[in-house]
Each structure stands twice: as structure tokens, then as C-alpha cells.
């Protein structure tokens, strides 16, 4: 199986002033140096998703179609009150089968590196049959953001690379069961 995987880098926040686009672009810039997959930013804000149970919208169909076209994911996750954002939880809940049997990595950020949000996300991914990989880059609001600007430390490059290796390896394996 030499076909390249399609990996979506999912921005997990929709609020004003969010930094997930900068973190996502940084991850993509690292991923684009590789030749093992096609990487793209997938911004849930672009889909204008309604809250679960509050009706249908064309955005839900487009969201599910986008997810179905992907072989794996990298979630850019910020910690809000010790968990993931409501917009990410809603986006996860508005799809089922397009998530199944795919691999995912997590890049999180927050005062404790977003570790608590990542742990909540792992539980949700298990229910959606998404296989999350072990390596998990954690970005500190105190060390990786300077004056409101994203400025990651060099040490994160190795973890992002290892996480992408794992997402691709698992993504290829899981493609055989879909």
C-alpha cells in the first residue's frame, strides 16, 4: 500500500482571538516537510455547525463528507476549564461513521500543556472508534507563547515528528479494516 494518506489537522476552537490556527499551521509546516501523507488544515469554524439536536444544516453534511475523505487526524486542542472546547465536542458529536477506524494524534496547549483536555479527548475518541497514538506534544502557555504570539520551543519538533510517524503508521494499518 503505497498510496499516501490524507490527514486532517483539525482546529479545535472557534472563538475570537484563538491561537489554534497558528498552532495548526506550525504542525502543518512540519508535516509538509515529510513525503508520507497529504496534510490539510480543517477548521471547524468554516462549517458553521449547529449545536447537536438543534436542527440540520448544510454544514453537517459538508463536515461529514470532509471527515469521510480523511484517513487520519491531528487534533489541535486547547484546554478550556480542564476539558476540550464546546465547539470541538459538538463537531465530534455531529459525525459517527466518518471517524471510525482512523488514527489520530493530539497537539494540545494550555497552562498545563492542555494535558487534561487531551485526556478527555482520548475518552471521546475511544467511543468514536478513533485510535489515538501515544506521542502527544504539549505546549505551555507560559513557555511557548510570547506576548500573545505562538513561539514554540525547538524541543517540540521531535515530539511532533514522532506523533506524525505514529499517525501515519496506524493510519495505514487501519485503512485495511475500513
N, C-alpha and C. Protein backbone atom coordinates (compact mmCIF):
# COMPACT_ATOMS: atom_id res chain seq x y z
N UNK A 1 0.85 -1.18 0.00
CA UNK A 1 0.00 0.00 0.00
C UNK A 1 0.90 1.24 0.00
N UNK A 2 1.12 1.79 -1.18
CA UNK A 2 1.99 2.96 -1.30
C UNK A 2 1.21 4.26 -1.45
N UNK A 3 -0.09 4.18 -1.47
CA UNK A 3 -0.93 5.36 -1.61
C UNK A 3 -0.78 6.25 -0.37
N UNK A 4 -0.62 7.54 -0.60
CA UNK A 4 -0.48 8.48 0.52
C UNK A 4 -1.81 8.64 1.25
N UNK A 5 -1.71 8.74 2.56
CA UNK A 5 -2.88 9.01 3.38
C UNK A 5 -3.25 10.48 3.30
N UNK A 6 -4.50 10.78 3.59
CA UNK A 6 -4.97 12.15 3.72
C UNK A 6 -5.22 12.40 5.21
N UNK A 7 -4.45 13.33 5.77
CA UNK A 7 -4.52 13.62 7.20
C UNK A 7 -5.05 15.04 7.40
N UNK A 8 -6.10 15.16 8.18
CA UNK A 8 -6.67 16.47 8.51
C UNK A 8 -6.13 16.97 9.84
N UNK A 9 -5.65 18.19 9.83
CA UNK A 9 -5.20 18.87 11.06
C UNK A 9 -6.38 19.71 11.52
N UNK A 10 -7.10 19.21 12.52
CA UNK A 10 -8.37 19.80 12.93
C UNK A 10 -8.16 20.86 14.00
N UNK A 11 -8.58 22.08 13.68
CA UNK A 11 -8.50 23.19 14.64
C UNK A 11 -9.68 23.09 15.59
N UNK A 12 -9.40 22.95 16.87
CA UNK A 12 -10.42 22.65 17.85
C UNK A 12 -11.08 23.83 18.54
N UNK A 13 -10.90 25.02 18.03
CA UNK A 13 -11.52 26.19 18.65
C UNK A 13 -12.15 27.06 17.58
N UNK A 14 -13.23 27.74 17.95
CA UNK A 14 -13.88 28.66 17.02
C UNK A 14 -13.97 30.07 17.58
N UNK A 15 -13.48 30.26 18.78
CA UNK A 15 -13.70 31.57 19.42
C UNK A 15 -12.78 32.66 18.86
N UNK A 16 -13.20 33.90 19.05
CA UNK A 16 -12.40 35.04 18.64
C UNK A 16 -11.09 35.05 19.41
N UNK A 17 -10.02 35.43 18.75
CA UNK A 17 -8.73 35.52 19.41
C UNK A 17 -8.04 34.19 19.60
N UNK A 18 -8.57 33.14 19.01
CA UNK A 18 -7.99 31.80 19.17
C UNK A 18 -6.59 31.74 18.57
N UNK A 19 -5.79 30.84 19.11
CA UNK A 19 -4.43 30.64 18.58
C UNK A 19 -4.31 29.31 17.85
N UNK A 20 -5.38 28.53 17.81
CA UNK A 20 -5.29 27.23 17.13
C UNK A 20 -4.87 27.34 15.67
N UNK A 21 -5.25 28.41 14.91
CA UNK A 21 -4.74 28.49 13.54
C UNK A 21 -3.21 28.57 13.48
N UNK A 22 -2.59 29.30 14.39
CA UNK A 22 -1.13 29.40 14.39
C UNK A 22 -0.49 28.06 14.75
N UNK A 23 -1.06 27.37 15.73
CA UNK A 23 -0.54 26.06 16.13
C UNK A 23 -0.73 25.06 14.98
N UNK A 24 -1.90 25.09 14.37
CA UNK A 24 -2.17 24.19 13.24
C UNK A 24 -1.23 24.42 12.07
N UNK A 25 -0.99 25.68 11.74
CA UNK A 25 -0.06 26.00 10.64
C UNK A 25 1.35 25.54 10.97
N UNK A 26 1.75 25.66 12.23
CA UNK A 26 3.07 25.19 12.65
C UNK A 26 3.18 23.68 12.46
N UNK A 27 2.17 22.94 12.91
CA UNK A 27 2.17 21.49 12.74
C UNK A 27 2.20 21.15 11.25
N UNK A 28 1.41 21.85 10.45
CA UNK A 28 1.38 21.59 9.01
C UNK A 28 2.72 21.89 8.37
N UNK A 29 3.40 22.93 8.82
CA UNK A 29 4.71 23.26 8.24
C UNK A 29 5.72 22.13 8.50
N UNK A 30 5.61 21.49 9.65
CA UNK A 30 6.47 20.34 9.96
C UNK A 30 6.04 19.15 9.10
N UNK A 31 4.75 18.92 9.02
CA UNK A 31 4.22 17.78 8.26
C UNK A 31 4.55 17.91 6.77
N UNK A 32 4.50 19.12 6.25
CA UNK A 32 4.75 19.33 4.83
C UNK A 32 6.19 19.04 4.42
N UNK A 33 7.09 18.94 5.38
CA UNK A 33 8.48 18.57 5.08
C UNK A 33 8.61 17.07 4.84
N UNK A 34 7.56 16.33 5.16
CA UNK A 34 7.54 14.88 5.00
C UNK A 34 6.95 14.52 3.64
N UNK A 35 7.12 13.29 3.24
CA UNK A 35 6.56 12.85 1.97
C UNK A 35 5.66 11.63 2.16
N UNK A 36 5.09 11.48 3.35
CA UNK A 36 4.34 10.27 3.65
C UNK A 36 2.82 10.41 3.58
N UNK A 37 2.33 11.65 3.52
CA UNK A 37 0.88 11.86 3.51
C UNK A 37 0.57 13.25 2.96
N UNK A 38 -0.69 13.45 2.65
CA UNK A 38 -1.19 14.77 2.28
C UNK A 38 -1.82 15.37 3.53
N UNK A 39 -1.37 16.54 3.92
CA UNK A 39 -1.85 17.18 5.14
C UNK A 39 -2.65 18.42 4.77
N UNK A 40 -3.74 18.65 5.50
CA UNK A 40 -4.53 19.86 5.29
C UNK A 40 -5.13 20.33 6.61
N UNK A 41 -5.26 21.64 6.71
CA UNK A 41 -5.94 22.24 7.85
C UNK A 41 -7.44 22.08 7.65
N UNK A 42 -8.12 21.62 8.69
CA UNK A 42 -9.58 21.52 8.68
C UNK A 42 -10.08 22.34 9.87
N UNK A 43 -10.68 23.47 9.55
CA UNK A 43 -11.14 24.41 10.58
C UNK A 43 -12.63 24.23 10.81
N UNK A 44 -13.00 23.74 11.99
CA UNK A 44 -14.43 23.50 12.24
C UNK A 44 -15.25 24.79 12.15
N UNK A 45 -14.61 25.92 12.32
CA UNK A 45 -15.31 27.19 12.22
C UNK A 45 -15.88 27.40 10.81
N UNK A 46 -15.21 26.86 9.80
CA UNK A 46 -15.64 27.03 8.41
C UNK A 46 -16.96 26.32 8.10
N UNK A 47 -17.37 25.39 8.95
CA UNK A 47 -18.55 24.57 8.65
C UNK A 47 -19.83 25.11 9.28
N UNK A 48 -19.73 26.11 10.13
CA UNK A 48 -20.90 26.73 10.76
C UNK A 48 -21.87 25.67 11.28
N UNK A 49 -21.35 24.80 12.12
CA UNK A 49 -22.13 23.68 12.64
C UNK A 49 -23.13 24.13 13.71
N UNK A 50 -24.37 23.66 13.61
CA UNK A 50 -25.33 23.96 14.67
C UNK A 50 -25.01 23.09 15.89
N UNK A 51 -25.55 23.44 17.02
CA UNK A 51 -25.40 22.57 18.19
C UNK A 51 -26.17 21.28 17.95
N UNK A 52 -25.62 20.19 18.43
CA UNK A 52 -26.25 18.89 18.29
C UNK A 52 -27.69 18.95 18.79
N UNK A 53 -28.61 18.49 17.96
CA UNK A 53 -30.02 18.45 18.34
C UNK A 53 -30.79 19.71 18.04
N UNK A 54 -30.11 20.72 17.50
CA UNK A 54 -30.80 21.97 17.19
C UNK A 54 -31.08 22.14 15.71
N UNK A 55 -31.21 21.03 15.00
CA UNK A 55 -31.59 21.09 13.59
C UNK A 55 -30.45 20.69 12.68
N UNK A 56 -30.83 20.59 11.42
CA UNK A 56 -29.87 20.22 10.38
C UNK A 56 -29.34 21.47 9.71
N UNK A 57 -28.21 21.31 9.05
CA UNK A 57 -27.66 22.41 8.26
C UNK A 57 -26.78 21.80 7.18
N UNK A 58 -26.58 22.53 6.10
CA UNK A 58 -25.67 22.03 5.06
C UNK A 58 -24.26 21.80 5.61
N UNK A 59 -23.91 22.52 6.67
CA UNK A 59 -22.59 22.36 7.26
C UNK A 59 -22.35 20.96 7.82
N UNK A 60 -23.40 20.33 8.35
CA UNK A 60 -23.25 18.98 8.90
C UNK A 60 -22.90 18.00 7.79
N UNK A 61 -23.58 18.11 6.66
CA UNK A 61 -23.30 17.22 5.52
C UNK A 61 -21.87 17.45 5.04
N UNK A 62 -21.48 18.70 4.87
CA UNK A 62 -20.12 19.01 4.41
C UNK A 62 -19.07 18.53 5.41
N UNK A 63 -19.35 18.68 6.70
CA UNK A 63 -18.44 18.23 7.76
C UNK A 63 -18.24 16.71 7.65
N UNK A 64 -19.32 15.98 7.54
CA UNK A 64 -19.22 14.53 7.44
C UNK A 64 -18.51 14.09 6.16
N UNK A 65 -18.76 14.78 5.06
CA UNK A 65 -18.07 14.47 3.81
C UNK A 65 -16.56 14.72 3.94
N UNK A 66 -16.19 15.81 4.58
CA UNK A 66 -14.77 16.11 4.77
C UNK A 66 -14.12 15.03 5.61
N UNK A 67 -14.73 14.67 6.73
CA UNK A 67 -14.17 13.63 7.60
C UNK A 67 -14.05 12.30 6.87
N UNK A 68 -15.05 11.95 6.06
CA UNK A 68 -15.01 10.70 5.31
C UNK A 68 -13.86 10.66 4.32
N UNK A 69 -13.44 11.82 3.83
CA UNK A 69 -12.35 11.88 2.84
C UNK A 69 -10.97 11.75 3.48
N UNK A 70 -10.92 11.75 4.80
CA UNK A 70 -9.64 11.71 5.51
C UNK A 70 -9.34 10.32 6.06
N UNK A 71 -8.05 10.01 6.14
CA UNK A 71 -7.59 8.72 6.67
C UNK A 71 -7.12 8.82 8.10
N UNK A 72 -6.93 10.02 8.59
CA UNK A 72 -6.44 10.22 9.95
C UNK A 72 -6.51 11.69 10.31
N UNK A 73 -6.19 11.96 11.57
CA UNK A 73 -6.38 13.31 12.10
C UNK A 73 -5.25 13.69 13.05
N UNK A 74 -5.00 14.98 13.12
CA UNK A 74 -4.21 15.57 14.19
C UNK A 74 -5.11 16.64 14.79
N UNK A 75 -5.46 16.47 16.04
CA UNK A 75 -6.33 17.44 16.71
C UNK A 75 -5.47 18.50 17.39
N UNK A 76 -5.77 19.75 17.11
CA UNK A 76 -5.14 20.89 17.81
C UNK A 76 -6.13 21.25 18.91
N UNK A 77 -5.73 20.98 20.15
CA UNK A 77 -6.66 21.03 21.27
C UNK A 77 -6.17 22.01 22.33
N UNK A 78 -7.00 22.96 22.67
CA UNK A 78 -6.72 23.90 23.74
C UNK A 78 -7.56 23.50 24.96
N UNK A 79 -7.01 23.76 26.11
CA UNK A 79 -7.73 23.38 27.34
C UNK A 79 -8.58 24.55 27.82
N UNK A 80 -9.88 24.30 27.93
CA UNK A 80 -10.83 25.25 28.49
C UNK A 80 -11.43 24.61 29.74
N UNK A 81 -11.20 25.18 30.90
CA UNK A 81 -11.78 24.65 32.14
C UNK A 81 -11.55 23.15 32.30
N UNK A 82 -10.33 22.72 32.07
CA UNK A 82 -9.89 21.34 32.25
C UNK A 82 -10.46 20.38 31.22
N UNK A 83 -10.95 20.86 30.08
CA UNK A 83 -11.51 19.97 29.06
C UNK A 83 -11.33 20.59 27.68
N UNK A 84 -11.94 19.94 26.69
CA UNK A 84 -11.90 20.45 25.33
C UNK A 84 -12.96 21.54 25.16
N UNK A 85 -12.87 22.27 24.08
CA UNK A 85 -13.85 23.33 23.82
C UNK A 85 -15.21 22.71 23.46
N UNK A 86 -16.25 23.48 23.71
CA UNK A 86 -17.60 23.03 23.35
C UNK A 86 -17.72 22.85 21.84
N UNK A 87 -17.06 23.71 21.07
CA UNK A 87 -17.15 23.60 19.61
C UNK A 87 -16.52 22.31 19.10
N UNK A 88 -15.42 21.89 19.70
CA UNK A 88 -14.81 20.62 19.29
C UNK A 88 -15.68 19.44 19.70
N UNK A 89 -16.21 19.47 20.90
CA UNK A 89 -17.10 18.38 21.35
C UNK A 89 -18.31 18.27 20.44
N UNK A 90 -18.88 19.39 20.08
CA UNK A 90 -20.03 19.40 19.18
C UNK A 90 -19.66 18.83 17.82
N UNK A 91 -18.51 19.24 17.28
CA UNK A 91 -18.07 18.75 15.98
C UNK A 91 -17.83 17.24 16.02
N UNK A 92 -17.28 16.75 17.10
CA UNK A 92 -17.09 15.31 17.26
C UNK A 92 -18.43 14.59 17.26
N UNK A 93 -19.40 15.14 17.96
CA UNK A 93 -20.71 14.50 18.11
C UNK A 93 -21.56 14.54 16.84
N UNK A 94 -21.27 15.47 15.94
CA UNK A 94 -22.08 15.61 14.72
C UNK A 94 -21.67 14.64 13.62
N UNK A 95 -20.78 13.73 13.93
CA UNK A 95 -20.39 12.69 12.98
C UNK A 95 -20.21 11.39 13.76
N UNK A 96 -20.36 10.29 13.11
CA UNK A 96 -20.12 8.99 13.74
C UNK A 96 -19.21 8.15 12.85
N UNK A 97 -19.77 7.54 11.81
CA UNK A 97 -19.01 6.63 10.97
C UNK A 97 -17.78 7.25 10.31
N UNK A 98 -17.80 8.51 9.92
CA UNK A 98 -16.59 9.06 9.30
C UNK A 98 -15.36 9.07 10.22
N UNK A 99 -15.57 8.94 11.53
CA UNK A 99 -14.45 8.88 12.47
C UNK A 99 -13.90 7.46 12.60
N UNK A 100 -14.73 6.46 12.37
CA UNK A 100 -14.42 5.08 12.73
C UNK A 100 -13.19 4.53 12.03
N UNK A 101 -12.39 3.78 12.81
CA UNK A 101 -11.23 3.06 12.31
C UNK A 101 -10.21 3.97 11.62
N UNK A 102 -9.96 5.09 12.24
CA UNK A 102 -8.93 6.01 11.76
C UNK A 102 -8.03 6.38 12.93
N UNK A 103 -6.82 6.77 12.62
CA UNK A 103 -5.83 7.12 13.65
C UNK A 103 -5.84 8.63 13.89
N UNK A 104 -5.44 9.01 15.09
CA UNK A 104 -5.36 10.44 15.42
C UNK A 104 -4.25 10.70 16.42
N UNK A 105 -3.65 11.85 16.23
CA UNK A 105 -2.70 12.39 17.20
C UNK A 105 -3.28 13.65 17.80
N UNK A 106 -2.69 14.08 18.89
CA UNK A 106 -3.15 15.28 19.59
C UNK A 106 -1.96 16.19 19.82
N UNK A 107 -2.15 17.47 19.51
CA UNK A 107 -1.22 18.52 19.92
C UNK A 107 -2.06 19.45 20.78
N UNK A 108 -1.70 19.56 22.05
CA UNK A 108 -2.52 20.35 22.97
C UNK A 108 -1.73 21.51 23.56
N UNK A 109 -2.48 22.50 24.04
CA UNK A 109 -1.85 23.63 24.72
C UNK A 109 -2.75 24.16 25.82
N UNK A 110 -2.10 24.75 26.81
CA UNK A 110 -2.79 25.31 27.95
C UNK A 110 -1.79 25.56 29.06
N UNK A 111 -2.30 25.93 30.23
CA UNK A 111 -1.40 26.23 31.35
C UNK A 111 -0.64 25.00 31.81
N UNK A 112 -1.23 23.81 31.62
CA UNK A 112 -0.52 22.56 31.92
C UNK A 112 -0.31 21.78 30.63
N UNK A 113 -0.09 22.49 29.54
CA UNK A 113 0.13 21.86 28.25
C UNK A 113 -1.12 21.27 27.63
N UNK A 114 -2.27 21.56 28.20
CA UNK A 114 -3.52 21.03 27.67
C UNK A 114 -3.72 19.55 27.96
N UNK A 115 -2.97 19.02 28.91
CA UNK A 115 -2.99 17.58 29.19
C UNK A 115 -4.38 17.08 29.61
N UNK A 116 -5.09 17.87 30.41
CA UNK A 116 -6.41 17.42 30.87
C UNK A 116 -7.41 17.38 29.72
N UNK A 117 -7.33 18.35 28.83
CA UNK A 117 -8.20 18.36 27.65
C UNK A 117 -7.90 17.15 26.76
N UNK A 118 -6.61 16.86 26.59
CA UNK A 118 -6.23 15.72 25.77
C UNK A 118 -6.76 14.42 26.35
N UNK A 119 -6.72 14.28 27.66
CA UNK A 119 -7.25 13.07 28.28
C UNK A 119 -8.75 12.95 28.08
N UNK A 120 -9.48 14.04 28.14
CA UNK A 120 -10.91 14.00 27.86
C UNK A 120 -11.15 13.60 26.40
N UNK A 121 -10.35 14.18 25.51
CA UNK A 121 -10.50 13.87 24.09
C UNK A 121 -10.23 12.39 23.82
N UNK A 122 -9.25 11.82 24.50
CA UNK A 122 -8.94 10.39 24.30
C UNK A 122 -10.16 9.51 24.63
N UNK A 123 -10.87 9.83 25.68
CA UNK A 123 -12.07 9.07 26.03
C UNK A 123 -13.15 9.17 24.96
N UNK A 124 -13.33 10.36 24.42
CA UNK A 124 -14.32 10.57 23.36
C UNK A 124 -13.91 9.82 22.10
N UNK A 125 -12.61 9.90 21.77
CA UNK A 125 -12.13 9.20 20.58
C UNK A 125 -12.34 7.70 20.68
N UNK A 126 -12.16 7.14 21.87
CA UNK A 126 -12.40 5.71 22.05
C UNK A 126 -13.82 5.33 21.68
N UNK A 127 -14.77 6.13 22.10
CA UNK A 127 -16.18 5.86 21.79
C UNK A 127 -16.45 5.99 20.29
N UNK A 128 -15.72 6.88 19.61
CA UNK A 128 -15.92 7.09 18.17
C UNK A 128 -15.07 6.14 17.32
N UNK A 129 -14.39 5.20 17.97
CA UNK A 129 -13.53 4.24 17.29
C UNK A 129 -12.39 4.91 16.54
N UNK A 130 -11.83 5.95 17.15
CA UNK A 130 -10.62 6.60 16.64
C UNK A 130 -9.48 6.09 17.50
N UNK A 131 -8.44 5.58 16.86
CA UNK A 131 -7.27 5.07 17.58
C UNK A 131 -6.28 6.21 17.80
N UNK A 132 -6.14 6.63 19.05
CA UNK A 132 -5.22 7.72 19.34
C UNK A 132 -3.82 7.18 19.61
N UNK A 133 -2.84 7.88 19.09
CA UNK A 133 -1.45 7.45 19.24
C UNK A 133 -0.88 7.96 20.55
N UNK A 134 0.21 7.37 20.97
CA UNK A 134 0.79 7.66 22.27
C UNK A 134 1.46 9.03 22.35
N UNK A 135 2.33 9.33 21.36
CA UNK A 135 3.11 10.57 21.44
C UNK A 135 2.18 11.77 21.35
N UNK A 136 2.37 12.69 22.27
CA UNK A 136 1.44 13.80 22.45
C UNK A 136 2.22 15.09 22.77
N UNK A 137 2.50 15.91 21.77
CA UNK A 137 3.17 17.18 22.05
C UNK A 137 2.26 18.09 22.89
N UNK A 138 2.82 18.63 23.96
CA UNK A 138 2.08 19.54 24.85
C UNK A 138 2.77 20.88 24.87
N UNK A 139 2.02 21.93 24.58
CA UNK A 139 2.56 23.28 24.50
C UNK A 139 2.10 24.08 25.72
N UNK A 140 3.03 24.78 26.31
CA UNK A 140 2.76 25.57 27.52
C UNK A 140 2.43 27.02 27.17
N UNK A 141 1.36 27.52 27.77
CA UNK A 141 1.03 28.94 27.59
C UNK A 141 2.14 29.83 28.13
N UNK A 142 2.93 29.32 29.08
CA UNK A 142 3.98 30.12 29.70
C UNK A 142 5.30 30.08 28.95
N UNK A 143 5.55 28.99 28.23
CA UNK A 143 6.85 28.82 27.58
C UNK A 143 6.80 28.88 26.06
N UNK A 144 5.64 28.60 25.47
CA UNK A 144 5.54 28.52 24.01
C UNK A 144 4.73 29.65 23.39
N UNK A 145 4.32 30.59 24.20
CA UNK A 145 3.59 31.77 23.72
C UNK A 145 4.25 32.99 24.35
N UNK A 146 4.67 33.92 23.51
CA UNK A 146 5.34 35.14 23.99
C UNK A 146 4.52 36.36 23.59
N UNK A 147 4.08 37.12 24.58
CA UNK A 147 3.28 38.33 24.32
C UNK A 147 2.09 38.04 23.41
N UNK A 148 1.43 36.92 23.66
CA UNK A 148 0.25 36.55 22.90
C UNK A 148 0.53 35.90 21.56
N UNK A 149 1.79 35.75 21.19
CA UNK A 149 2.15 35.15 19.91
C UNK A 149 2.70 33.75 20.14
N UNK A 150 2.37 32.85 19.25
CA UNK A 150 2.85 31.48 19.33
C UNK A 150 4.32 31.42 18.93
N UNK A 151 5.15 30.93 19.83
CA UNK A 151 6.60 30.82 19.61
C UNK A 151 7.07 29.50 20.23
N UNK A 152 6.83 28.38 19.54
CA UNK A 152 7.13 27.07 20.13
C UNK A 152 8.62 26.86 20.35
N UNK A 153 8.91 26.17 21.43
CA UNK A 153 10.29 25.80 21.71
C UNK A 153 10.74 24.72 20.71
N UNK A 154 12.00 24.72 20.41
CA UNK A 154 12.58 23.77 19.46
C UNK A 154 12.36 22.32 19.88
N UNK A 155 12.32 22.07 21.18
CA UNK A 155 12.20 20.70 21.68
C UNK A 155 10.93 19.99 21.22
N UNK A 156 9.91 20.74 20.79
CA UNK A 156 8.65 20.12 20.37
C UNK A 156 8.74 19.46 19.00
N UNK A 157 9.72 19.85 18.21
CA UNK A 157 9.86 19.31 16.86
C UNK A 157 9.96 17.79 16.87
N UNK A 158 10.74 17.23 17.77
CA UNK A 158 10.91 15.78 17.84
C UNK A 158 9.60 15.09 18.18
N UNK A 159 8.84 15.65 19.13
CA UNK A 159 7.56 15.03 19.51
C UNK A 159 6.53 15.12 18.38
N UNK A 160 6.48 16.24 17.68
CA UNK A 160 5.54 16.36 16.56
C UNK A 160 5.91 15.34 15.48
N UNK A 161 7.19 15.20 15.21
CA UNK A 161 7.65 14.24 14.20
C UNK A 161 7.29 12.81 14.60
N UNK A 162 7.53 12.45 15.85
CA UNK A 162 7.18 11.10 16.32
C UNK A 162 5.67 10.87 16.28
N UNK A 163 4.89 11.89 16.66
CA UNK A 163 3.44 11.76 16.61
C UNK A 163 2.96 11.54 15.17
N UNK A 164 3.51 12.29 14.23
CA UNK A 164 3.13 12.12 12.82
C UNK A 164 3.54 10.74 12.30
N UNK A 165 4.71 10.25 12.71
CA UNK A 165 5.13 8.89 12.35
C UNK A 165 4.07 7.89 12.80
N UNK A 166 3.61 8.02 14.03
CA UNK A 166 2.64 7.09 14.59
C UNK A 166 1.28 7.21 13.91
N UNK A 167 0.83 8.43 13.65
CA UNK A 167 -0.46 8.61 12.97
C UNK A 167 -0.41 7.96 11.59
N UNK A 168 0.68 8.12 10.88
CA UNK A 168 0.79 7.53 9.55
C UNK A 168 0.86 6.01 9.60
N UNK A 169 1.63 5.48 10.52
CA UNK A 169 1.76 4.03 10.66
C UNK A 169 0.41 3.40 11.01
N UNK A 170 -0.24 3.94 12.00
CA UNK A 170 -1.54 3.42 12.42
C UNK A 170 -2.60 3.69 11.34
N UNK A 171 -2.51 4.86 10.71
CA UNK A 171 -3.47 5.18 9.65
C UNK A 171 -3.43 4.19 8.52
N UNK A 172 -2.22 3.78 8.13
CA UNK A 172 -2.09 2.77 7.06
C UNK A 172 -2.68 1.43 7.51
N UNK A 173 -2.39 1.05 8.74
CA UNK A 173 -2.91 -0.22 9.23
C UNK A 173 -4.43 -0.20 9.31
N UNK A 174 -4.99 0.89 9.80
CA UNK A 174 -6.46 0.96 9.95
C UNK A 174 -7.18 1.08 8.62
N UNK A 175 -6.49 1.58 7.61
CA UNK A 175 -7.12 1.67 6.30
C UNK A 175 -7.50 0.29 5.77
N UNK A 176 -6.78 -0.72 6.20
CA UNK A 176 -7.06 -2.10 5.75
C UNK A 176 -8.34 -2.67 6.35
N UNK A 177 -8.85 -2.08 7.44
CA UNK A 177 -10.09 -2.58 8.04
C UNK A 177 -11.31 -1.74 7.69
N UNK A 178 -11.11 -0.66 6.97
CA UNK A 178 -12.27 0.17 6.57
C UNK A 178 -12.84 -0.32 5.26
